[in-house]
N, C-alpha and C. Protein backbone atom coordinates (compact mmCIF):
# COMPACT_ATOMS: atom_id res chain seq x y z
N MET A 1 -2.51 -11.01 -28.64
CA MET A 1 -1.51 -11.28 -27.61
C MET A 1 -2.22 -11.84 -26.36
N ASP A 2 -1.57 -12.77 -25.68
CA ASP A 2 -2.18 -13.41 -24.53
C ASP A 2 -2.52 -12.45 -23.40
N THR A 3 -1.74 -11.39 -23.23
CA THR A 3 -2.04 -10.45 -22.15
C THR A 3 -3.36 -9.73 -22.40
N GLU A 4 -3.66 -9.43 -23.65
CA GLU A 4 -4.94 -8.78 -23.97
C GLU A 4 -6.11 -9.73 -23.71
N LYS A 5 -5.94 -11.00 -24.10
CA LYS A 5 -6.97 -12.00 -23.80
C LYS A 5 -7.17 -12.13 -22.30
N ALA A 6 -6.07 -12.13 -21.57
CA ALA A 6 -6.14 -12.26 -20.11
C ALA A 6 -6.87 -11.07 -19.50
N LYS A 7 -6.57 -9.87 -19.96
CA LYS A 7 -7.25 -8.68 -19.43
C LYS A 7 -8.75 -8.75 -19.68
N ARG A 8 -9.13 -9.10 -20.89
CA ARG A 8 -10.57 -9.20 -21.21
C ARG A 8 -11.25 -10.24 -20.33
N THR A 9 -10.59 -11.36 -20.12
CA THR A 9 -11.17 -12.44 -19.31
C THR A 9 -11.29 -12.01 -17.86
N LEU A 10 -10.24 -11.42 -17.31
CA LEU A 10 -10.27 -11.01 -15.90
C LEU A 10 -11.30 -9.91 -15.65
N ARG A 11 -11.51 -9.04 -16.60
CA ARG A 11 -12.51 -7.97 -16.43
C ARG A 11 -13.92 -8.53 -16.31
N ARG A 12 -14.15 -9.71 -16.88
CA ARG A 12 -15.49 -10.32 -16.82
C ARG A 12 -15.73 -11.11 -15.53
N LEU A 13 -14.67 -11.42 -14.80
CA LEU A 13 -14.83 -12.22 -13.58
C LEU A 13 -15.27 -11.37 -12.41
N ARG A 14 -16.00 -11.98 -11.50
CA ARG A 14 -16.36 -11.34 -10.23
C ARG A 14 -15.44 -11.91 -9.17
N PHE A 15 -14.83 -11.01 -8.42
CA PHE A 15 -13.90 -11.41 -7.38
C PHE A 15 -14.51 -11.14 -6.00
N PRO A 16 -14.10 -11.93 -5.01
CA PRO A 16 -14.54 -11.64 -3.65
C PRO A 16 -13.92 -10.33 -3.16
N LYS A 17 -14.47 -9.79 -2.08
CA LYS A 17 -14.02 -8.49 -1.57
C LYS A 17 -12.54 -8.47 -1.19
N TRP A 18 -11.99 -9.62 -0.80
CA TRP A 18 -10.59 -9.64 -0.38
C TRP A 18 -9.61 -9.56 -1.55
N VAL A 19 -10.10 -9.66 -2.78
CA VAL A 19 -9.25 -9.41 -3.95
C VAL A 19 -9.45 -7.95 -4.33
N LEU A 20 -8.45 -7.14 -4.07
CA LEU A 20 -8.57 -5.69 -4.26
C LEU A 20 -8.24 -5.24 -5.68
N GLY A 21 -7.64 -6.11 -6.44
CA GLY A 21 -7.27 -5.79 -7.82
C GLY A 21 -6.38 -6.88 -8.37
N TRP A 22 -5.87 -6.68 -9.56
CA TRP A 22 -5.00 -7.65 -10.19
C TRP A 22 -4.08 -6.95 -11.18
N LYS A 23 -3.03 -7.65 -11.53
CA LYS A 23 -2.15 -7.20 -12.61
C LYS A 23 -1.66 -8.44 -13.33
N ILE A 24 -1.22 -8.26 -14.54
CA ILE A 24 -0.69 -9.39 -15.31
C ILE A 24 0.64 -8.98 -15.92
N GLU A 25 1.45 -9.99 -16.17
CA GLU A 25 2.69 -9.76 -16.90
C GLU A 25 2.94 -10.96 -17.80
N SER A 26 3.46 -10.69 -18.95
CA SER A 26 3.78 -11.73 -19.92
C SER A 26 5.19 -12.21 -19.66
N THR A 27 5.37 -13.51 -19.60
CA THR A 27 6.68 -14.09 -19.33
C THR A 27 6.75 -15.45 -20.02
N VAL A 28 7.73 -16.25 -19.69
CA VAL A 28 7.85 -17.61 -20.21
C VAL A 28 8.06 -18.57 -19.05
N ASP A 29 7.66 -19.83 -19.27
CA ASP A 29 7.89 -20.83 -18.24
C ASP A 29 9.29 -21.42 -18.38
N GLY A 30 9.60 -22.43 -17.59
CA GLY A 30 10.93 -23.03 -17.59
C GLY A 30 11.34 -23.64 -18.92
N ASP A 31 10.35 -23.99 -19.74
CA ASP A 31 10.64 -24.56 -21.06
C ASP A 31 10.68 -23.51 -22.16
N GLY A 32 10.47 -22.24 -21.78
CA GLY A 32 10.48 -21.17 -22.77
C GLY A 32 9.13 -20.93 -23.43
N ASP A 33 8.08 -21.62 -22.96
CA ASP A 33 6.74 -21.42 -23.52
C ASP A 33 6.10 -20.17 -22.91
N PRO A 34 5.25 -19.47 -23.68
CA PRO A 34 4.59 -18.26 -23.18
C PRO A 34 3.74 -18.56 -21.94
N LEU A 35 3.74 -17.62 -21.03
CA LEU A 35 3.02 -17.77 -19.78
C LEU A 35 2.56 -16.38 -19.34
N VAL A 36 1.35 -16.29 -18.84
CA VAL A 36 0.84 -15.03 -18.29
C VAL A 36 0.78 -15.19 -16.78
N ARG A 37 1.54 -14.37 -16.07
CA ARG A 37 1.52 -14.39 -14.61
C ARG A 37 0.43 -13.44 -14.15
N VAL A 38 -0.45 -13.92 -13.30
CA VAL A 38 -1.55 -13.12 -12.76
C VAL A 38 -1.28 -12.91 -11.28
N TRP A 39 -1.22 -11.65 -10.88
CA TRP A 39 -1.03 -11.28 -9.48
C TRP A 39 -2.37 -10.80 -8.95
N LEU A 40 -2.91 -11.48 -7.94
CA LEU A 40 -4.12 -11.01 -7.29
C LEU A 40 -3.69 -10.15 -6.11
N HIS A 41 -4.11 -8.90 -6.10
CA HIS A 41 -3.75 -7.99 -5.01
C HIS A 41 -4.71 -8.21 -3.84
N VAL A 42 -4.13 -8.44 -2.68
CA VAL A 42 -4.91 -8.70 -1.46
C VAL A 42 -4.43 -7.76 -0.36
N PRO A 43 -5.25 -7.56 0.69
CA PRO A 43 -4.78 -6.74 1.81
C PRO A 43 -3.55 -7.36 2.45
N GLU A 44 -2.79 -6.53 3.14
CA GLU A 44 -1.59 -7.01 3.83
C GLU A 44 -1.93 -8.17 4.77
N LYS A 45 -3.02 -8.00 5.51
CA LYS A 45 -3.51 -9.06 6.39
C LYS A 45 -4.95 -9.35 6.01
N PHE A 46 -5.19 -10.58 5.63
CA PHE A 46 -6.57 -10.98 5.32
C PHE A 46 -6.76 -12.41 5.74
N GLU A 47 -7.98 -12.72 6.09
CA GLU A 47 -8.29 -14.08 6.53
C GLU A 47 -9.27 -14.69 5.55
N VAL A 48 -8.85 -15.77 4.98
CA VAL A 48 -9.70 -16.51 4.06
C VAL A 48 -9.27 -17.97 4.17
N SER A 49 -10.23 -18.85 4.05
CA SER A 49 -9.90 -20.28 4.16
C SER A 49 -9.07 -20.70 2.95
N PHE A 50 -8.28 -21.72 3.16
CA PHE A 50 -7.47 -22.28 2.08
C PHE A 50 -8.38 -22.72 0.93
N GLY A 51 -9.53 -23.30 1.28
CA GLY A 51 -10.48 -23.76 0.27
C GLY A 51 -11.03 -22.62 -0.56
N GLU A 52 -11.38 -21.50 0.10
CA GLU A 52 -11.91 -20.35 -0.63
C GLU A 52 -10.85 -19.76 -1.55
N PHE A 53 -9.63 -19.63 -1.03
CA PHE A 53 -8.55 -19.11 -1.87
C PHE A 53 -8.36 -20.00 -3.10
N ASN A 54 -8.33 -21.32 -2.88
CA ASN A 54 -8.14 -22.24 -4.00
C ASN A 54 -9.27 -22.14 -5.02
N ARG A 55 -10.51 -21.94 -4.56
CA ARG A 55 -11.64 -21.80 -5.49
C ARG A 55 -11.45 -20.56 -6.38
N VAL A 56 -11.03 -19.46 -5.78
CA VAL A 56 -10.82 -18.24 -6.56
C VAL A 56 -9.66 -18.44 -7.54
N ARG A 57 -8.55 -18.96 -7.03
CA ARG A 57 -7.39 -19.19 -7.90
C ARG A 57 -7.76 -20.12 -9.06
N ASP A 58 -8.49 -21.20 -8.76
CA ASP A 58 -8.86 -22.16 -9.80
C ASP A 58 -9.81 -21.55 -10.81
N ARG A 59 -10.74 -20.70 -10.35
CA ARG A 59 -11.68 -20.05 -11.26
C ARG A 59 -10.93 -19.12 -12.21
N VAL A 60 -9.98 -18.36 -11.69
CA VAL A 60 -9.16 -17.48 -12.53
C VAL A 60 -8.37 -18.31 -13.53
N ARG A 61 -7.69 -19.33 -13.04
CA ARG A 61 -6.87 -20.17 -13.91
C ARG A 61 -7.71 -20.86 -14.98
N ASP A 62 -8.85 -21.44 -14.59
CA ASP A 62 -9.69 -22.15 -15.55
C ASP A 62 -10.29 -21.21 -16.59
N SER A 63 -10.69 -20.01 -16.17
CA SER A 63 -11.24 -19.03 -17.11
C SER A 63 -10.20 -18.61 -18.13
N LEU A 64 -8.98 -18.39 -17.66
CA LEU A 64 -7.91 -17.99 -18.58
C LEU A 64 -7.55 -19.13 -19.53
N ARG A 65 -7.48 -20.34 -19.03
CA ARG A 65 -7.18 -21.48 -19.91
C ARG A 65 -8.26 -21.64 -20.97
N ALA A 66 -9.52 -21.45 -20.58
CA ALA A 66 -10.62 -21.55 -21.55
C ALA A 66 -10.50 -20.49 -22.64
N ALA A 67 -9.87 -19.36 -22.32
CA ALA A 67 -9.65 -18.28 -23.29
C ALA A 67 -8.37 -18.51 -24.10
N GLY A 68 -7.68 -19.61 -23.85
CA GLY A 68 -6.46 -19.91 -24.60
C GLY A 68 -5.20 -19.31 -24.02
N VAL A 69 -5.24 -18.95 -22.74
CA VAL A 69 -4.10 -18.33 -22.07
C VAL A 69 -3.53 -19.31 -21.05
N GLN A 70 -2.21 -19.49 -21.05
CA GLN A 70 -1.56 -20.33 -20.05
C GLN A 70 -1.17 -19.45 -18.86
N PRO A 71 -1.91 -19.57 -17.72
CA PRO A 71 -1.65 -18.66 -16.61
C PRO A 71 -0.87 -19.28 -15.46
N TRP A 72 -0.26 -18.43 -14.68
CA TRP A 72 0.29 -18.77 -13.37
C TRP A 72 -0.30 -17.74 -12.43
N VAL A 73 -1.11 -18.19 -11.46
CA VAL A 73 -1.84 -17.28 -10.58
C VAL A 73 -1.18 -17.26 -9.21
N THR A 74 -0.92 -16.08 -8.69
CA THR A 74 -0.33 -15.92 -7.37
C THR A 74 -0.95 -14.70 -6.69
N VAL A 75 -0.63 -14.50 -5.43
CA VAL A 75 -1.15 -13.33 -4.72
C VAL A 75 -0.01 -12.38 -4.38
N GLU A 76 -0.36 -11.12 -4.20
CA GLU A 76 0.62 -10.10 -3.85
C GLU A 76 -0.06 -9.13 -2.88
N PRO A 77 0.48 -8.98 -1.68
CA PRO A 77 -0.09 -8.00 -0.76
C PRO A 77 -0.08 -6.62 -1.41
N LEU A 78 -1.14 -5.86 -1.17
CA LEU A 78 -1.27 -4.57 -1.82
C LEU A 78 -0.10 -3.64 -1.52
N SER A 79 0.46 -3.70 -0.32
CA SER A 79 1.60 -2.83 0.00
C SER A 79 2.79 -3.16 -0.90
N THR A 80 2.98 -4.43 -1.22
CA THR A 80 4.06 -4.82 -2.13
C THR A 80 3.77 -4.32 -3.53
N ALA A 81 2.51 -4.38 -3.95
CA ALA A 81 2.13 -3.91 -5.29
C ALA A 81 2.45 -2.43 -5.42
N PHE A 82 2.14 -1.63 -4.39
CA PHE A 82 2.44 -0.20 -4.45
C PHE A 82 3.94 0.05 -4.50
N LYS A 83 4.72 -0.73 -3.73
CA LYS A 83 6.18 -0.58 -3.77
C LYS A 83 6.70 -0.88 -5.17
N ASN A 84 6.15 -1.94 -5.81
CA ASN A 84 6.60 -2.31 -7.15
C ASN A 84 6.23 -1.23 -8.18
N LEU A 85 5.09 -0.58 -8.00
CA LEU A 85 4.70 0.49 -8.92
C LEU A 85 5.63 1.69 -8.79
N ALA A 86 6.07 1.94 -7.57
CA ALA A 86 6.92 3.11 -7.32
C ALA A 86 8.35 2.88 -7.79
N ALA A 87 8.74 1.63 -7.93
CA ALA A 87 10.14 1.32 -8.31
C ALA A 87 10.41 1.62 -9.77
């Protein structure tokens, strides 16, 4: 399953300190094709350049694609992640 491949791939990556964690969910894109959504958990307020953020996002996306996973990478403030876990 793509989510298992995604988990194995993400566990091997090194993230900068401002990425506090991640979660994945299996879904489909607009055409109905399988897609793995990757949520990078970040502090509520963090400062990082657009270029640095893009490098991290691209590294995650490229690593997952190389593993045969079609990803969609986004960020989620940690406070939102905790609210979603409690729901």
